[in-house]
Amino acid sequence: MGDGGVRDAAARDEHAHAARVSAGRVGGRTQEIQRLIGRSLRAVTKMEELGERTVTLDCDVIQADGGTRTASITGAFVALVLAVNRCASRT
């Protein structure tokens, strides 16, 4: 039996940051934000209750400062709760 998980896909708006990265390449700060959001959500999720399900959340961070990172985590958490509740109501 496989394990489920919570994944995140965070992206920064290239126009909000002076340094642009090549298309299709994940920059260091973007990867840092992805890991931060993923760790935050996995820390509050009972992974064993997900079963074999995988939840992927897509977050867009307009400007990579502390406030927008916090807002992205909060928004992703709300989306995770809604997704888990929807799955629970179907079973």
PDB file of N, CA and C in Angstrom:
ATOM      1  N   MET A   1       0.853  -1.170   0.000  1.00  0.00           N
ATOM      2  CA  MET A   1       0.000   0.000   0.000  1.00  0.00           C
ATOM      3  C   MET A   1       0.901   1.236   0.000  1.00  0.00           C
ATOM      4  N   GLY A   2       0.628   2.175  -0.882  1.00  0.00           N
ATOM      5  CA  GLY A   2       1.435   3.381  -0.982  1.00  0.00           C
ATOM      6  C   GLY A   2       1.042   4.430   0.040  1.00  0.00           C
ATOM      7  N   ASP A   3       1.889   5.398   0.195  1.00  0.00           N
ATOM      8  CA  ASP A   3       1.612   6.496   1.112  1.00  0.00           C
ATOM      9  C   ASP A   3       1.153   7.712   0.332  1.00  0.00           C
ATOM     10  N   GLY A   4       0.219   8.437   0.911  1.00  0.00           N
ATOM     11  CA  GLY A   4      -0.236   9.685   0.313  1.00  0.00           C
ATOM     12  C   GLY A   4       0.695  10.809   0.701  1.00  0.00           C
ATOM     13  N   GLY A   5       0.319  11.999   0.332  1.00  0.00           N
ATOM     14  CA  GLY A   5       1.170  13.126   0.687  1.00  0.00           C
ATOM     15  C   GLY A   5       0.549  14.449   0.336  1.00  0.00           C
ATOM     16  N   VAL A   6       1.196  15.500   0.771  1.00  0.00           N
ATOM     17  CA  VAL A   6       0.790  16.858   0.459  1.00  0.00           C
ATOM     18  C   VAL A   6       1.957  17.490  -0.281  1.00  0.00           C
ATOM     19  N   ARG A   7       1.704  17.947  -1.488  1.00  0.00           N
ATOM     20  CA  ARG A   7       2.732  18.596  -2.292  1.00  0.00           C
ATOM     21  C   ARG A   7       2.320  20.028  -2.545  1.00  0.00           C
ATOM     22  N   ASP A   8       3.286  20.835  -2.839  1.00  0.00           N
ATOM     23  CA  ASP A   8       2.990  22.218  -3.156  1.00  0.00           C
ATOM     24  C   ASP A   8       3.717  22.609  -4.428  1.00  0.00           C
ATOM     25  N   ALA A   9       3.167  23.564  -5.101  1.00  0.00           N
ATOM     26  CA  ALA A   9       3.803  24.117  -6.297  1.00  0.00           C
ATOM     27  C   ALA A   9       3.675  25.627  -6.195  1.00  0.00           C
ATOM     28  N   ALA A  10       4.675  26.249  -5.645  1.00  0.00           N
ATOM     29  CA  ALA A  10       4.643  27.697  -5.465  1.00  0.00           C
ATOM     30  C   ALA A  10       5.424  28.356  -6.589  1.00  0.00           C
ATOM     31  N   ALA A  11       4.937  29.483  -7.023  1.00  0.00           N
ATOM     32  CA  ALA A  11       5.635  30.228  -8.065  1.00  0.00           C
ATOM     33  C   ALA A  11       5.599  31.712  -7.731  1.00  0.00           C
ATOM     34  N   ARG A  12       6.689  32.380  -8.032  1.00  0.00           N
ATOM     35  CA  ARG A  12       6.726  33.816  -7.832  1.00  0.00           C
ATOM     36  C   ARG A  12       6.428  34.492  -9.154  1.00  0.00           C
ATOM     37  N   ASP A  13       5.799  35.639  -9.083  1.00  0.00           N
ATOM     38  CA  ASP A  13       5.568  36.444 -10.270  1.00  0.00           C
ATOM     39  C   ASP A  13       6.902  37.057 -10.679  1.00  0.00           C
ATOM     40  N   GLU A  14       7.373  36.727 -11.870  1.00  0.00           N
ATOM     41  CA  GLU A  14       8.680  37.199 -12.311  1.00  0.00           C
ATOM     42  C   GLU A  14       8.779  38.723 -12.338  1.00  0.00           C
ATOM     43  N   HIS A  15       7.689  39.406 -12.590  1.00  0.00           N
ATOM     44  CA  HIS A  15       7.719  40.863 -12.696  1.00  0.00           C
ATOM     45  C   HIS A  15       7.856  41.534 -11.335  1.00  0.00           C
ATOM     46  N   ALA A  16       7.615  40.809 -10.258  1.00  0.00           N
ATOM     47  CA  ALA A  16       7.702  41.386  -8.921  1.00  0.00           C
ATOM     48  C   ALA A  16       9.132  41.374  -8.391  1.00  0.00           C
ATOM     49  N   HIS A  17      10.017  40.744  -9.097  1.00  0.00           N
ATOM     50  CA  HIS A  17      11.401  40.634  -8.641  1.00  0.00           C
ATOM     51  C   HIS A  17      12.327  41.113  -9.756  1.00  0.00           C
ATOM     52  N   ALA A  18      13.359  41.830  -9.393  1.00  0.00           N
ATOM     53  CA  ALA A  18      14.242  42.430 -10.395  1.00  0.00           C
ATOM     54  C   ALA A  18      14.992  41.378 -11.212  1.00  0.00           C
ATOM     55  N   ALA A  19      15.449  40.332 -10.567  1.00  0.00           N
ATOM     56  CA  ALA A  19      16.215  39.300 -11.274  1.00  0.00           C
ATOM     57  C   ALA A  19      15.264  38.259 -11.842  1.00  0.00           C
ATOM     58  N   ARG A  20      15.313  38.054 -13.144  1.00  0.00           N
ATOM     59  CA  ARG A  20      14.471  37.041 -13.787  1.00  0.00           C
ATOM     60  C   ARG A  20      15.228  35.737 -13.924  1.00  0.00           C
ATOM     61  N   VAL A  21      14.489  34.670 -13.921  1.00  0.00           N
ATOM     62  CA  VAL A  21      15.103  33.359 -14.125  1.00  0.00           C
ATOM     63  C   VAL A  21      14.626  32.825 -15.465  1.00  0.00           C
ATOM     64  N   SER A  22      15.375  31.876 -16.011  1.00  0.00           N
ATOM     65  CA  SER A  22      15.006  31.283 -17.289  1.00  0.00           C
ATOM     66  C   SER A  22      13.684  30.554 -17.179  1.00  0.00           C
ATOM     67  N   ALA A  23      12.930  30.554 -18.258  1.00  0.00           N
ATOM     68  CA  ALA A  23      11.634  29.865 -18.267  1.00  0.00           C
ATOM     69  C   ALA A  23      11.840  28.380 -18.005  1.00  0.00           C
ATOM     70  N   GLY A  24      11.000  27.828 -17.126  1.00  0.00           N
ATOM     71  CA  GLY A  24      11.057  26.403 -16.820  1.00  0.00           C
ATOM     72  C   GLY A  24      12.067  26.028 -15.748  1.00  0.00           C
ATOM     73  N   ARG A  25      12.856  26.977 -15.287  1.00  0.00           N
ATOM     74  CA  ARG A  25      13.863  26.691 -14.267  1.00  0.00           C
ATOM     75  C   ARG A  25      13.404  27.244 -12.928  1.00  0.00           C
ATOM     76  N   VAL A  26      13.514  26.441 -11.893  1.00  0.00           N
ATOM     77  CA  VAL A  26      13.103  26.874 -10.558  1.00  0.00           C
ATOM     78  C   VAL A  26      14.294  27.539  -9.881  1.00  0.00           C
ATOM     79  N   GLY A  27      14.108  28.807  -9.479  1.00  0.00           N
ATOM     80  CA  GLY A  27      15.176  29.539  -8.815  1.00  0.00           C
ATOM     81  C   GLY A  27      15.292  29.155  -7.358  1.00  0.00           C
ATOM     82  N   GLY A  28      16.348  29.605  -6.705  1.00  0.00           N
ATOM     83  CA  GLY A  28      16.607  29.264  -5.310  1.00  0.00           C
ATOM     84  C   GLY A  28      15.525  29.750  -4.372  1.00  0.00           C
ATOM     85  N   ARG A  29      15.081  30.987  -4.554  1.00  0.00           N
ATOM     86  CA  ARG A  29      14.058  31.537  -3.667  1.00  0.00           C
ATOM     87  C   ARG A  29      12.717  30.824  -3.885  1.00  0.00           C
ATOM     88  N   THR A  30      12.380  30.533  -5.128  1.00  0.00           N
ATOM     89  CA  THR A  30      11.130  29.813  -5.418  1.00  0.00           C
ATOM     90  C   THR A  30      11.157  28.438  -4.770  1.00  0.00           C
ATOM     91  N   GLN A  31      12.282  27.756  -4.868  1.00  0.00           N
ATOM     92  CA  GLN A  31      12.403  26.437  -4.250  1.00  0.00           C
ATOM     93  C   GLN A  31      12.298  26.542  -2.733  1.00  0.00           C
ATOM     94  N   GLU A  32      12.875  27.592  -2.168  1.00  0.00           N
ATOM     95  CA  GLU A  32      12.781  27.810  -0.724  1.00  0.00           C
ATOM     96  C   GLU A  32      11.331  27.992  -0.293  1.00  0.00           C
ATOM     97  N   ILE A  33      10.564  28.749  -1.063  1.00  0.00           N
ATOM     98  CA  ILE A  33       9.152  28.983  -0.749  1.00  0.00           C
ATOM     99  C   ILE A  33       8.362  27.691  -0.888  1.00  0.00           C
ATOM    100  N   GLN A  34       8.649  26.898  -1.931  1.00  0.00           N
ATOM    101  CA  GLN A  34       7.969  25.616  -2.102  1.00  0.00           C
ATOM    102  C   GLN A  34       8.192  24.723  -0.889  1.00  0.00           C
ATOM    103  N   ARG A  35       9.417  24.647  -0.445  1.00  0.00           N
ATOM    104  CA  ARG A  35       9.736  23.796   0.709  1.00  0.00           C
ATOM    105  C   ARG A  35       9.066  24.305   1.978  1.00  0.00           C
ATOM    106  N   LEU A  36       9.066  25.617   2.158  1.00  0.00           N
ATOM    107  CA  LEU A  36       8.451  26.207   3.345  1.00  0.00           C
ATOM    108  C   LEU A  36       6.955  25.891   3.408  1.00  0.00           C
ATOM    109  N   ILE A  37       6.256  26.079   2.306  1.00  0.00           N
ATOM    110  CA  ILE A  37       4.817  25.808   2.268  1.00  0.00           C
ATOM    111  C   ILE A  37       4.562  24.314   2.466  1.00  0.00           C
ATOM    112  N   GLY A  38       5.327  23.472   1.794  1.00  0.00           N
ATOM    113  CA  GLY A  38       5.157  22.028   1.924  1.00  0.00           C
ATOM    114  C   GLY A  38       5.381  21.537   3.349  1.00  0.00           C
ATOM    115  N   ARG A  39       6.473  22.005   3.971  1.00  0.00           N
ATOM    116  CA  ARG A  39       6.747  21.602   5.359  1.00  0.00           C
ATOM    117  C   ARG A  39       5.658  22.070   6.304  1.00  0.00           C
ATOM    118  N   SER A  40       5.188  23.288   6.097  1.00  0.00           N
ATOM    119  CA  SER A  40       4.145  23.841   6.971  1.00  0.00           C
ATOM    120  C   SER A  40       2.866  23.020   6.892  1.00  0.00           C
ATOM    121  N   LEU A  41       2.477  22.632   5.695  1.00  0.00           N
ATOM    122  CA  LEU A  41       1.235  21.875   5.529  1.00  0.00           C
ATOM    123  C   LEU A  41       1.384  20.432   5.995  1.00  0.00           C
ATOM    124  N   ARG A  42       2.536  19.827   5.727  1.00  0.00           N
ATOM    125  CA  ARG A  42       2.740  18.448   6.193  1.00  0.00           C
ATOM    126  C   ARG A  42       2.776  18.378   7.713  1.00  0.00           C
ATOM    127  N   ALA A  43       3.242  19.443   8.363  1.00  0.00           N
ATOM    128  CA  ALA A  43       3.332  19.452   9.824  1.00  0.00           C
ATOM    129  C   ALA A  43       1.960  19.416  10.493  1.00  0.00           C
ATOM    130  N   VAL A  44       0.926  19.902   9.825  1.00  0.00           N
ATOM    131  CA  VAL A  44      -0.416  19.953  10.430  1.00  0.00           C
ATOM    132  C   VAL A  44      -1.375  18.948   9.801  1.00  0.00           C
ATOM    133  N   THR A  45      -0.851  18.035   8.997  1.00  0.00           N
ATOM    134  CA  THR A  45      -1.695  17.057   8.303  1.00  0.00           C
ATOM    135  C   THR A  45      -1.465  15.668   8.890  1.00  0.00           C
ATOM    136  N   LYS A  46      -2.548  14.964   9.179  1.00  0.00           N
ATOM    137  CA  LYS A  46      -2.449  13.570   9.617  1.00  0.00           C
ATOM    138  C   LYS A  46      -2.310  12.728   8.360  1.00  0.00           C
ATOM    139  N   MET A  47      -1.056  12.469   7.998  1.00  0.00           N
ATOM    140  CA  MET A  47      -0.764  11.813   6.726  1.00  0.00           C
ATOM    141  C   MET A  47      -1.400  10.426   6.622  1.00  0.00           C
ATOM    142  N   GLU A  48      -1.485   9.709   7.748  1.00  0.00           N
ATOM    143  CA  GLU A  48      -2.061   8.361   7.709  1.00  0.00           C
ATOM    144  C   GLU A  48      -3.542   8.394   7.334  1.00  0.00           C
ATOM    145  N   GLU A  49      -4.219   9.503   7.610  1.00  0.00           N
ATOM    146  CA  GLU A  49      -5.633   9.611   7.267  1.00  0.00           C
ATOM    147  C   GLU A  49      -5.857   9.950   5.795  1.00  0.00           C
ATOM    148  N   LEU A  50      -4.816  10.406   5.111  1.00  0.00           N
ATOM    149  CA  LEU A  50      -4.933  10.662   3.668  1.00  0.00           C
ATOM    150  C   LEU A  50      -4.961   9.359   2.888  1.00  0.00           C
ATOM    151  N   GLY A  51      -4.393   8.307   3.467  1.00  0.00           N
ATOM    152  CA  GLY A  51      -4.318   7.042   2.755  1.00  0.00           C
ATOM    153  C   GLY A  51      -3.370   7.167   1.578  1.00  0.00           C
ATOM    154  N   GLU A  52      -3.807   6.713   0.414  1.00  0.00           N
ATOM    155  CA  GLU A  52      -2.963   6.760  -0.780  1.00  0.00           C
ATOM    156  C   GLU A  52      -3.191   8.028  -1.594  1.00  0.00           C
ATOM    157  N   ARG A  53      -3.960   8.944  -1.081  1.00  0.00           N
ATOM    158  CA  ARG A  53      -4.242  10.182  -1.815  1.00  0.00           C
ATOM    159  C   ARG A  53      -3.056  11.133  -1.767  1.00  0.00           C
ATOM    160  N   THR A  54      -2.882  11.882  -2.825  1.00  0.00           N
ATOM    161  CA  THR A  54      -1.897  12.957  -2.867  1.00  0.00           C
ATOM    162  C   THR A  54      -2.621  14.239  -3.190  1.00  0.00           C
ATOM    163  N   VAL A  55      -2.395  15.254  -2.400  1.00  0.00           N
ATOM    164  CA  VAL A  55      -3.014  16.560  -2.615  1.00  0.00           C
ATOM    165  C   VAL A  55      -1.921  17.503  -3.104  1.00  0.00           C
ATOM    166  N   THR A  56      -2.136  18.112  -4.262  1.00  0.00           N
ATOM    167  CA  THR A  56      -1.192  19.080  -4.803  1.00  0.00           C
ATOM    168  C   THR A  56      -1.828  20.455  -4.760  1.00  0.00           C
ATOM    169  N   LEU A  57      -1.157  21.401  -4.124  1.00  0.00           N
ATOM    170  CA  LEU A  57      -1.670  22.756  -3.992  1.00  0.00           C
ATOM    171  C   LEU A  57      -0.776  23.699  -4.786  1.00  0.00           C
ATOM    172  N   ASP A  58      -1.381  24.572  -5.554  1.00  0.00           N
ATOM    173  CA  ASP A  58      -0.645  25.515  -6.390  1.00  0.00           C
ATOM    174  C   ASP A  58      -0.779  26.905  -5.788  1.00  0.00           C
ATOM    175  N   CYS A  59       0.331  27.514  -5.412  1.00  0.00           N
ATOM    176  CA  CYS A  59       0.335  28.839  -4.792  1.00  0.00           C
ATOM    177  C   CYS A  59       1.124  29.803  -5.662  1.00  0.00           C
ATOM    178  N   ASP A  60       0.618  30.986  -5.844  1.00  0.00           N
ATOM    179  CA  ASP A  60       1.362  32.040  -6.530  1.00  0.00           C
ATOM    180  C   ASP A  60       1.746  33.094  -5.506  1.00  0.00           C
ATOM    181  N   VAL A  61       3.035  33.318  -5.361  1.00  0.00           N
ATOM    182  CA  VAL A  61       3.539  34.325  -4.434  1.00  0.00           C
ATOM    183  C   VAL A  61       3.934  35.534  -5.271  1.00  0.00           C
ATOM    184  N   ILE A  62       3.198  36.627  -5.109  1.00  0.00           N
ATOM    185  CA  ILE A  62       3.429  37.802  -5.936  1.00  0.00           C
ATOM    186  C   ILE A  62       4.754  38.469  -5.588  1.00  0.00           C
ATOM    187  N   GLN A  63       5.022  38.659  -4.333  1.00  0.00           N
ATOM    188  CA  GLN A  63       6.268  39.273  -3.881  1.00  0.00           C
ATOM    189  C   GLN A  63       6.784  38.426  -2.731  1.00  0.00           C
ATOM    190  N   ALA A  64       8.022  38.016  -2.814  1.00  0.00           N
ATOM    191  CA  ALA A  64       8.554  37.042  -1.852  1.00  0.00           C
ATOM    192  C   ALA A  64       9.048  37.716  -0.580  1.00  0.00           C
ATOM    193  N   ASP A  65       8.130  38.265   0.197  1.00  0.00           N
ATOM    194  CA  ASP A  65       8.503  38.782   1.511  1.00  0.00           C
ATOM    195  C   ASP A  65       7.758  37.975   2.568  1.00  0.00           C
ATOM    196  N   GLY A  66       7.997  38.254   3.827  1.00  0.00           N
ATOM    197  CA  GLY A  66       7.404  37.470   4.903  1.00  0.00           C
ATOM    198  C   GLY A  66       5.892  37.456   4.902  1.00  0.00           C
ATOM    199  N   GLY A  67       5.282  38.592   4.601  1.00  0.00           N
ATOM    200  CA  GLY A  67       3.820  38.676   4.627  1.00  0.00           C
ATOM    201  C   GLY A  67       3.150  37.836   3.561  1.00  0.00           C
ATOM    202  N   THR A  68       3.692  37.858   2.347  1.00  0.00           N
ATOM    203  CA  THR A  68       3.065  37.068   1.277  1.00  0.00           C
ATOM    204  C   THR A  68       3.347  35.587   1.448  1.00  0.00           C
ATOM    205  N   ARG A  69       4.477  35.241   2.039  1.00  0.00           N
ATOM    206  CA  ARG A  69       4.733  33.819   2.321  1.00  0.00           C
ATOM    207  C   ARG A  69       3.733  33.309   3.345  1.00  0.00           C
ATOM    208  N   THR A  70       3.496  34.097   4.377  1.00  0.00           N
ATOM    209  CA  THR A  70       2.520  33.724   5.392  1.00  0.00           C
ATOM    210  C   THR A  70       1.131  33.605   4.783  1.00  0.00           C
ATOM    211  N   ALA A  71       0.768  34.546   3.924  1.00  0.00           N
ATOM    212  CA  ALA A  71      -0.536  34.501   3.262  1.00  0.00           C
ATOM    213  C   ALA A  71      -0.657  33.271   2.363  1.00  0.00           C
ATOM    214  N   SER A  72       0.425  32.889   1.696  1.00  0.00           N
ATOM    215  CA  SER A  72       0.393  31.699   0.842  1.00  0.00           C
ATOM    216  C   SER A  72       0.185  30.439   1.663  1.00  0.00           C
ATOM    217  N   ILE A  73       0.842  30.350   2.813  1.00  0.00           N
ATOM    218  CA  ILE A  73       0.661  29.191   3.689  1.00  0.00           C
ATOM    219  C   ILE A  73      -0.774  29.137   4.191  1.00  0.00           C
ATOM    220  N   THR A  74      -1.307  30.290   4.593  1.00  0.00           N
ATOM    221  CA  THR A  74      -2.688  30.343   5.093  1.00  0.00           C
ATOM    222  C   THR A  74      -3.675  29.948   4.001  1.00  0.00           C
ATOM    223  N   GLY A  75      -3.496  30.511   2.809  1.00  0.00           N
ATOM    224  CA  GLY A  75      -4.387  30.174   1.686  1.00  0.00           C
ATOM    225  C   GLY A  75      -4.300  28.713   1.300  1.00  0.00           C
ATOM    226  N   ALA A  76      -3.079  28.173   1.288  1.00  0.00           N
ATOM    227  CA  ALA A  76      -2.903  26.757   0.965  1.00  0.00           C
ATOM    228  C   ALA A  76      -3.537  25.873   2.029  1.00  0.00           C
ATOM    229  N   PHE A  77      -3.455  26.280   3.293  1.00  0.00           N
ATOM    230  CA  PHE A  77      -4.081  25.516   4.369  1.00  0.00           C
ATOM    231  C   PHE A  77      -5.597  25.479   4.198  1.00  0.00           C
ATOM    232  N   VAL A  78      -6.195  26.617   3.879  1.00  0.00           N
ATOM    233  CA  VAL A  78      -7.645  26.668   3.660  1.00  0.00           C
ATOM    234  C   VAL A  78      -8.020  25.758   2.490  1.00  0.00           C
ATOM    235  N   ALA A  79      -7.244  25.799   1.408  1.00  0.00           N
ATOM    236  CA  ALA A  79      -7.519  24.931   0.260  1.00  0.00           C
ATOM    237  C   ALA A  79      -7.375  23.458   0.630  1.00  0.00           C
ATOM    238  N   LEU A  80      -6.381  23.142   1.450  1.00  0.00           N
ATOM    239  CA  LEU A  80      -6.183  21.757   1.901  1.00  0.00           C
ATOM    240  C   LEU A  80      -7.366  21.276   2.729  1.00  0.00           C
ATOM    241  N   VAL A  81      -7.837  22.107   3.654  1.00  0.00           N
ATOM    242  CA  VAL A  81      -8.991  21.738   4.481  1.00  0.00           C
ATOM    243  C   VAL A  81     -10.218  21.500   3.611  1.00  0.00           C
ATOM    244  N   LEU A  82     -10.453  22.382   2.649  1.00  0.00           N
ATOM    245  CA  LEU A  82     -11.608  22.210   1.756  1.00  0.00           C
ATOM    246  C   LEU A  82     -11.500  20.920   0.940  1.00  0.00           C
ATOM    247  N   ALA A  83     -10.292  20.621   0.449  1.00  0.00           N
ATOM    248  CA  ALA A  83     -10.099  19.399  -0.346  1.00  0.00           C
ATOM    249  C   ALA A  83     -10.301  18.147   0.501  1.00  0.00           C
ATOM    250  N   VAL A  84      -9.758  18.141   1.711  1.00  0.00           N
ATOM    251  CA  VAL A  84      -9.887  16.969   2.583  1.00  0.00           C
ATOM    252  C   VAL A  84     -11.346  16.784   2.998  1.00  0.00           C
ATOM    253  N   ASN A  85     -12.020  17.874   3.324  1.00  0.00           N
ATOM    254  CA  ASN A  85     -13.446  17.768   3.685  1.00  0.00           C
ATOM    255  C   ASN A  85     -14.292  17.259   2.525  1.00  0.00           C
ATOM    256  N   ARG A  86     -13.960  17.685   1.319  1.00  0.00           N
ATOM    257  CA  ARG A  86     -14.707  17.208   0.153  1.00  0.00           C
ATOM    258  C   ARG A  86     -14.486  15.719  -0.064  1.00  0.00           C
ATOM    259  N   CYS A  87     -13.244  15.279   0.088  1.00  0.00           N
ATOM    260  CA  CYS A  87     -12.955  13.842  -0.039  1.00  0.00           C
ATOM    261  C   CYS A  87     -13.677  13.039   1.034  1.00  0.00           C
ATOM    262  N   ALA A  88     -13.694  13.565   2.251  1.00  0.00           N
ATOM    263  CA  ALA A  88     -14.351  12.865   3.369  1.00  0.00           C
ATOM    264  C   ALA A  88     -15.860  12.756   3.153  1.00  0.00           C
ATOM    265  N   SER A  89     -16.449  13.775   2.559  1.00  0.00           N
ATOM    266  CA  SER A  89     -17.909  13.747   2.345  1.00  0.00           C
ATOM    267  C   SER A  89     -18.300  12.787   1.225  1.00  0.00           C
ATOM    268  N   ARG A  90     -17.359  12.434   0.359  1.00  0.00           N
ATOM    269  CA  ARG A  90     -17.644  11.509  -0.758  1.00  0.00           C
ATOM    270  C   ARG A  90     -17.538  10.052  -0.357  1.00  0.00           C
ATOM    271  N   THR A  91     -16.886   9.794   0.776  1.00  0.00           N
ATOM    272  CA  THR A  91     -16.715   8.390   1.171  1.00  0.00           C
ATOM    273  C   THR A  91     -17.748   7.976   2.181  1.00  0.00           C
TER     274      THR A  91
END
